[in-house]
Amino acid sequence: MIELLNLPVNTFPLVGSTIGVPDSSAPSAVKPRVSLESFAMFEKYDAEKVAQGAKQYDVELREWWDAIGMDDMPSYAASTGQFYSQIYFPTVGKTLEKQGFKFQDELAN
């Protein structure tokens, strides 16, 4: 993306968005979302809310996938756990340094 957008030093793309036109000849299914209360907190982290939200979303997403014929999908918990079990952007640090960003370990000073 840096090359495609010809970004200058000290810039880095953070968010990408797909823009398009919906196909009005076929109704679209709106995927359910994780409840806001399970990850947006005020002043204090609540592990129980996170756990309950993930469990509830597992149920809701399974129902939605089954309803649209995607009954071969793993659970939300399983797919998310698999995704985060690996470093999926291993070159981000090197790319940031190439863009002019410097990393410094504050504890080493």
N, C-alpha and C. Protein backbone atom coordinates (compact mmCIF):
# COMPACT_ATOMS: atom_id res chain seq x y z
N MET A 1 0.82 -1.19 0.00
CA MET A 1 0.00 0.00 0.00
C MET A 1 0.86 1.26 0.00
N ILE A 2 2.01 1.19 0.69
CA ILE A 2 2.90 2.35 0.72
C ILE A 2 3.35 2.71 -0.69
N GLU A 3 3.76 1.69 -1.44
CA GLU A 3 4.21 1.94 -2.82
C GLU A 3 3.05 2.35 -3.71
N LEU A 4 1.92 1.67 -3.58
CA LEU A 4 0.76 1.97 -4.41
C LEU A 4 0.30 3.41 -4.22
N LEU A 5 0.31 3.87 -2.97
CA LEU A 5 -0.14 5.23 -2.67
C LEU A 5 0.99 6.26 -2.74
N ASN A 6 2.22 5.77 -2.97
CA ASN A 6 3.39 6.64 -3.04
C ASN A 6 3.51 7.51 -1.79
N LEU A 7 3.43 6.84 -0.62
CA LEU A 7 3.46 7.57 0.64
C LEU A 7 4.86 8.08 0.96
N PRO A 8 4.96 9.29 1.50
CA PRO A 8 6.26 9.84 1.87
C PRO A 8 6.75 9.24 3.19
N VAL A 9 8.01 9.52 3.53
CA VAL A 9 8.58 9.10 4.80
C VAL A 9 7.73 9.65 5.94
N ASN A 10 7.71 8.92 7.05
CA ASN A 10 6.96 9.28 8.26
C ASN A 10 5.44 9.21 8.08
N THR A 11 4.99 8.41 7.12
CA THR A 11 3.56 8.10 6.99
C THR A 11 3.41 6.60 6.92
N PHE A 12 2.24 6.11 7.34
CA PHE A 12 1.98 4.67 7.33
C PHE A 12 0.47 4.46 7.24
N PRO A 13 0.02 3.62 6.31
CA PRO A 13 -1.42 3.39 6.18
C PRO A 13 -1.94 2.55 7.36
N LEU A 14 -3.00 3.01 8.00
CA LEU A 14 -3.57 2.29 9.14
C LEU A 14 -4.91 1.65 8.84
N VAL A 15 -5.71 2.26 8.03
CA VAL A 15 -7.05 1.76 7.79
C VAL A 15 -7.31 1.70 6.29
N GLY A 16 -7.88 0.60 5.86
CA GLY A 16 -8.29 0.47 4.47
C GLY A 16 -9.78 0.22 4.42
N SER A 17 -10.43 0.69 3.41
CA SER A 17 -11.87 0.50 3.30
C SER A 17 -12.22 0.15 1.86
N THR A 18 -13.16 -0.77 1.73
CA THR A 18 -13.64 -1.14 0.41
C THR A 18 -14.91 -0.34 0.14
N ILE A 19 -14.94 0.29 -1.00
CA ILE A 19 -16.10 1.09 -1.38
C ILE A 19 -16.65 0.47 -2.65
N GLY A 20 -17.94 0.30 -2.69
CA GLY A 20 -18.55 -0.29 -3.87
C GLY A 20 -20.04 0.00 -3.91
N VAL A 21 -20.68 -0.64 -4.83
CA VAL A 21 -22.11 -0.48 -5.01
C VAL A 21 -22.76 -1.84 -4.75
N PRO A 22 -23.76 -1.89 -3.86
CA PRO A 22 -24.40 -3.17 -3.59
C PRO A 22 -25.15 -3.70 -4.81
N ASP A 23 -25.23 -5.00 -4.91
CA ASP A 23 -25.98 -5.65 -5.97
C ASP A 23 -27.45 -5.68 -5.54
N SER A 24 -28.26 -4.83 -6.13
CA SER A 24 -29.66 -4.73 -5.71
C SER A 24 -30.49 -5.91 -6.17
N SER A 25 -29.95 -6.76 -7.04
CA SER A 25 -30.72 -7.92 -7.50
C SER A 25 -30.68 -9.07 -6.50
N ALA A 26 -29.78 -9.00 -5.51
CA ALA A 26 -29.69 -10.06 -4.50
C ALA A 26 -29.65 -9.42 -3.12
N PRO A 27 -30.54 -9.86 -2.24
CA PRO A 27 -30.51 -9.29 -0.88
C PRO A 27 -29.23 -9.68 -0.17
N SER A 28 -28.69 -8.76 0.59
CA SER A 28 -27.47 -9.06 1.32
C SER A 28 -27.80 -9.43 2.76
N ALA A 29 -27.02 -10.34 3.29
CA ALA A 29 -27.20 -10.73 4.69
C ALA A 29 -26.27 -9.88 5.54
N VAL A 30 -26.78 -9.31 6.59
CA VAL A 30 -25.98 -8.47 7.47
C VAL A 30 -25.43 -9.34 8.59
N LYS A 31 -24.12 -9.46 8.63
CA LYS A 31 -23.45 -10.28 9.64
C LYS A 31 -23.63 -9.65 11.01
N PRO A 32 -23.96 -10.44 12.01
CA PRO A 32 -24.07 -9.89 13.36
C PRO A 32 -22.70 -9.40 13.86
N ARG A 33 -22.72 -8.51 14.80
CA ARG A 33 -21.49 -7.95 15.36
C ARG A 33 -21.37 -8.30 16.84
N VAL A 34 -20.16 -8.31 17.32
CA VAL A 34 -19.91 -8.52 18.75
C VAL A 34 -20.53 -7.34 19.49
N SER A 35 -21.20 -7.60 20.60
CA SER A 35 -21.85 -6.52 21.33
C SER A 35 -20.83 -5.51 21.83
N LEU A 36 -21.16 -4.26 21.71
CA LEU A 36 -20.29 -3.17 22.12
C LEU A 36 -19.90 -3.29 23.59
N GLU A 37 -20.82 -3.72 24.42
CA GLU A 37 -20.57 -3.83 25.86
C GLU A 37 -19.48 -4.84 26.19
N SER A 38 -19.20 -5.76 25.26
CA SER A 38 -18.21 -6.79 25.56
C SER A 38 -16.77 -6.33 25.30
N PHE A 39 -16.60 -5.16 24.70
CA PHE A 39 -15.22 -4.69 24.47
C PHE A 39 -15.01 -3.20 24.70
N ALA A 40 -16.08 -2.42 24.80
CA ALA A 40 -15.95 -0.99 25.09
C ALA A 40 -16.25 -0.78 26.56
N MET A 41 -15.25 -0.37 27.31
CA MET A 41 -15.41 -0.23 28.76
C MET A 41 -14.98 1.15 29.21
N PHE A 42 -15.50 1.57 30.33
CA PHE A 42 -15.19 2.88 30.87
C PHE A 42 -14.36 2.72 32.14
N GLU A 43 -13.12 3.17 32.07
CA GLU A 43 -12.22 3.23 33.23
C GLU A 43 -11.69 1.90 33.74
N LYS A 44 -12.37 0.80 33.50
CA LYS A 44 -11.95 -0.47 34.09
C LYS A 44 -12.26 -1.63 33.15
N TYR A 45 -11.28 -2.50 32.95
CA TYR A 45 -11.46 -3.69 32.11
C TYR A 45 -12.30 -4.71 32.86
N ASP A 46 -13.25 -5.32 32.16
CA ASP A 46 -14.13 -6.32 32.77
C ASP A 46 -14.00 -7.63 32.00
N ALA A 47 -13.16 -8.53 32.49
CA ALA A 47 -12.90 -9.81 31.82
C ALA A 47 -14.17 -10.64 31.69
N GLU A 48 -15.05 -10.55 32.64
CA GLU A 48 -16.30 -11.31 32.58
C GLU A 48 -17.18 -10.85 31.41
N LYS A 49 -17.24 -9.53 31.20
CA LYS A 49 -18.01 -9.01 30.06
C LYS A 49 -17.41 -9.46 28.73
N VAL A 50 -16.09 -9.50 28.67
CA VAL A 50 -15.42 -9.96 27.45
C VAL A 50 -15.76 -11.42 27.20
N ALA A 51 -15.64 -12.26 28.22
CA ALA A 51 -15.92 -13.69 28.09
C ALA A 51 -17.38 -13.93 27.71
N GLN A 52 -18.29 -13.24 28.38
CA GLN A 52 -19.72 -13.40 28.08
C GLN A 52 -20.04 -12.93 26.66
N GLY A 53 -19.45 -11.81 26.25
CA GLY A 53 -19.67 -11.29 24.90
C GLY A 53 -19.18 -12.25 23.84
N ALA A 54 -18.01 -12.85 24.07
CA ALA A 54 -17.47 -13.82 23.10
C ALA A 54 -18.35 -15.06 23.03
N LYS A 55 -18.82 -15.54 24.17
CA LYS A 55 -19.70 -16.72 24.19
C LYS A 55 -21.01 -16.43 23.46
N GLN A 56 -21.58 -15.27 23.73
CA GLN A 56 -22.84 -14.90 23.09
C GLN A 56 -22.65 -14.74 21.59
N TYR A 57 -21.55 -14.14 21.18
CA TYR A 57 -21.30 -13.94 19.76
C TYR A 57 -21.07 -15.28 19.07
N ASP A 58 -20.45 -16.22 19.75
CA ASP A 58 -20.28 -17.57 19.20
C ASP A 58 -21.64 -18.15 18.81
N VAL A 59 -22.61 -18.00 19.69
CA VAL A 59 -23.96 -18.51 19.44
C VAL A 59 -24.62 -17.76 18.28
N GLU A 60 -24.58 -16.42 18.33
CA GLU A 60 -25.22 -15.61 17.30
C GLU A 60 -24.62 -15.84 15.92
N LEU A 61 -23.30 -15.91 15.85
CA LEU A 61 -22.64 -16.10 14.56
C LEU A 61 -22.92 -17.50 14.01
N ARG A 62 -22.93 -18.49 14.87
CA ARG A 62 -23.25 -19.86 14.43
C ARG A 62 -24.65 -19.89 13.82
N GLU A 63 -25.61 -19.26 14.50
CA GLU A 63 -26.98 -19.22 13.99
C GLU A 63 -27.05 -18.52 12.64
N TRP A 64 -26.32 -17.41 12.50
CA TRP A 64 -26.31 -16.65 11.24
C TRP A 64 -25.66 -17.46 10.13
N TRP A 65 -24.50 -18.06 10.41
CA TRP A 65 -23.84 -18.89 9.40
C TRP A 65 -24.74 -20.03 8.95
N ASP A 66 -25.37 -20.71 9.89
CA ASP A 66 -26.27 -21.82 9.54
C ASP A 66 -27.44 -21.33 8.70
N ALA A 67 -27.98 -20.16 9.03
CA ALA A 67 -29.13 -19.61 8.30
C ALA A 67 -28.80 -19.27 6.86
N ILE A 68 -27.55 -18.92 6.58
CA ILE A 68 -27.18 -18.57 5.20
C ILE A 68 -26.45 -19.72 4.50
N GLY A 69 -26.48 -20.90 5.12
CA GLY A 69 -25.92 -22.09 4.48
C GLY A 69 -24.42 -22.27 4.65
N MET A 70 -23.82 -21.60 5.62
CA MET A 70 -22.37 -21.75 5.85
C MET A 70 -22.14 -22.62 7.07
N ASP A 71 -22.74 -23.82 7.04
CA ASP A 71 -22.67 -24.69 8.20
C ASP A 71 -21.33 -25.39 8.38
N ASP A 72 -20.40 -25.17 7.47
CA ASP A 72 -19.07 -25.77 7.60
C ASP A 72 -18.07 -24.83 8.30
N MET A 73 -18.53 -23.64 8.70
CA MET A 73 -17.63 -22.68 9.35
C MET A 73 -17.34 -23.12 10.79
N PRO A 74 -16.10 -22.90 11.26
CA PRO A 74 -15.79 -23.21 12.66
C PRO A 74 -16.45 -22.16 13.56
N SER A 75 -16.37 -22.35 14.84
CA SER A 75 -16.94 -21.37 15.76
C SER A 75 -16.13 -20.07 15.69
N TYR A 76 -16.73 -19.00 16.18
CA TYR A 76 -16.04 -17.71 16.26
C TYR A 76 -14.79 -17.85 17.12
N ALA A 77 -14.94 -18.51 18.26
CA ALA A 77 -13.79 -18.68 19.17
C ALA A 77 -12.67 -19.46 18.50
N ALA A 78 -13.01 -20.52 17.78
CA ALA A 78 -11.98 -21.34 17.12
C ALA A 78 -11.29 -20.57 16.00
N SER A 79 -12.07 -19.86 15.19
CA SER A 79 -11.45 -19.14 14.07
C SER A 79 -10.61 -17.96 14.56
N THR A 80 -11.09 -17.26 15.59
CA THR A 80 -10.32 -16.14 16.15
C THR A 80 -9.06 -16.63 16.83
N GLY A 81 -9.17 -17.71 17.59
CA GLY A 81 -8.00 -18.29 18.25
C GLY A 81 -6.95 -18.72 17.25
N GLN A 82 -7.38 -19.31 16.15
CA GLN A 82 -6.43 -19.76 15.12
C GLN A 82 -5.75 -18.56 14.48
N PHE A 83 -6.52 -17.52 14.21
CA PHE A 83 -5.98 -16.32 13.57
C PHE A 83 -4.90 -15.68 14.42
N TYR A 84 -5.15 -15.55 15.72
CA TYR A 84 -4.21 -14.88 16.61
C TYR A 84 -3.14 -15.82 17.18
N SER A 85 -3.13 -17.06 16.74
CA SER A 85 -2.10 -17.98 17.22
C SER A 85 -0.78 -17.81 16.47
N GLN A 86 -0.78 -16.92 15.49
CA GLN A 86 0.43 -16.70 14.71
C GLN A 86 0.67 -15.20 14.53
N ILE A 87 1.89 -14.87 14.19
CA ILE A 87 2.21 -13.47 13.88
C ILE A 87 1.81 -13.27 12.43
N TYR A 88 0.75 -12.53 12.20
CA TYR A 88 0.20 -12.43 10.86
C TYR A 88 0.69 -11.21 10.09
N PHE A 89 1.42 -10.31 10.73
CA PHE A 89 2.04 -9.19 10.04
C PHE A 89 3.51 -9.13 10.46
N PRO A 90 4.33 -10.10 10.04
CA PRO A 90 5.70 -10.18 10.55
C PRO A 90 6.64 -9.08 10.06
N THR A 91 6.24 -8.32 9.06
CA THR A 91 7.15 -7.30 8.51
C THR A 91 6.76 -5.87 8.88
N VAL A 92 5.76 -5.69 9.73
CA VAL A 92 5.29 -4.34 10.04
C VAL A 92 6.40 -3.49 10.66
N GLY A 93 7.15 -4.04 11.63
CA GLY A 93 8.23 -3.29 12.26
C GLY A 93 9.27 -2.82 11.26
N LYS A 94 9.70 -3.71 10.38
CA LYS A 94 10.70 -3.35 9.36
C LYS A 94 10.14 -2.31 8.39
N THR A 95 8.87 -2.46 8.05
CA THR A 95 8.25 -1.50 7.14
C THR A 95 8.15 -0.12 7.78
N LEU A 96 7.77 -0.08 9.06
CA LEU A 96 7.71 1.21 9.77
C LEU A 96 9.08 1.87 9.83
N GLU A 97 10.13 1.09 10.11
CA GLU A 97 11.48 1.66 10.14
C GLU A 97 11.87 2.18 8.76
N LYS A 98 11.51 1.46 7.72
CA LYS A 98 11.81 1.90 6.36
C LYS A 98 11.10 3.21 6.04
N GLN A 99 9.95 3.43 6.65
CA GLN A 99 9.18 4.66 6.46
C GLN A 99 9.69 5.80 7.34
N GLY A 100 10.72 5.54 8.13
CA GLY A 100 11.33 6.62 8.91
C GLY A 100 11.01 6.61 10.39
N PHE A 101 10.21 5.64 10.83
CA PHE A 101 9.87 5.57 12.25
C PHE A 101 10.98 4.86 13.01
N LYS A 102 11.32 5.37 14.18
CA LYS A 102 12.39 4.80 15.01
C LYS A 102 11.79 4.16 16.24
N PHE A 103 12.31 2.99 16.60
CA PHE A 103 11.87 2.29 17.80
C PHE A 103 12.97 2.36 18.84
N GLN A 104 12.59 2.60 20.07
CA GLN A 104 13.56 2.71 21.14
C GLN A 104 12.96 2.07 22.38
N ASP A 105 13.73 1.23 23.03
CA ASP A 105 13.28 0.59 24.25
C ASP A 105 13.52 1.55 25.41
N GLU A 106 12.44 2.09 25.95
CA GLU A 106 12.54 3.07 27.03
C GLU A 106 13.19 2.48 28.27
N LEU A 107 13.02 1.19 28.51
CA LEU A 107 13.59 0.56 29.69
C LEU A 107 15.11 0.43 29.60
N ALA A 108 15.62 0.44 28.39
CA ALA A 108 17.07 0.28 28.20
C ALA A 108 17.82 1.58 28.53
N ASN A 109 17.14 2.68 28.60
CA ASN A 109 17.80 3.97 28.85
C ASN A 109 17.86 4.31 30.31
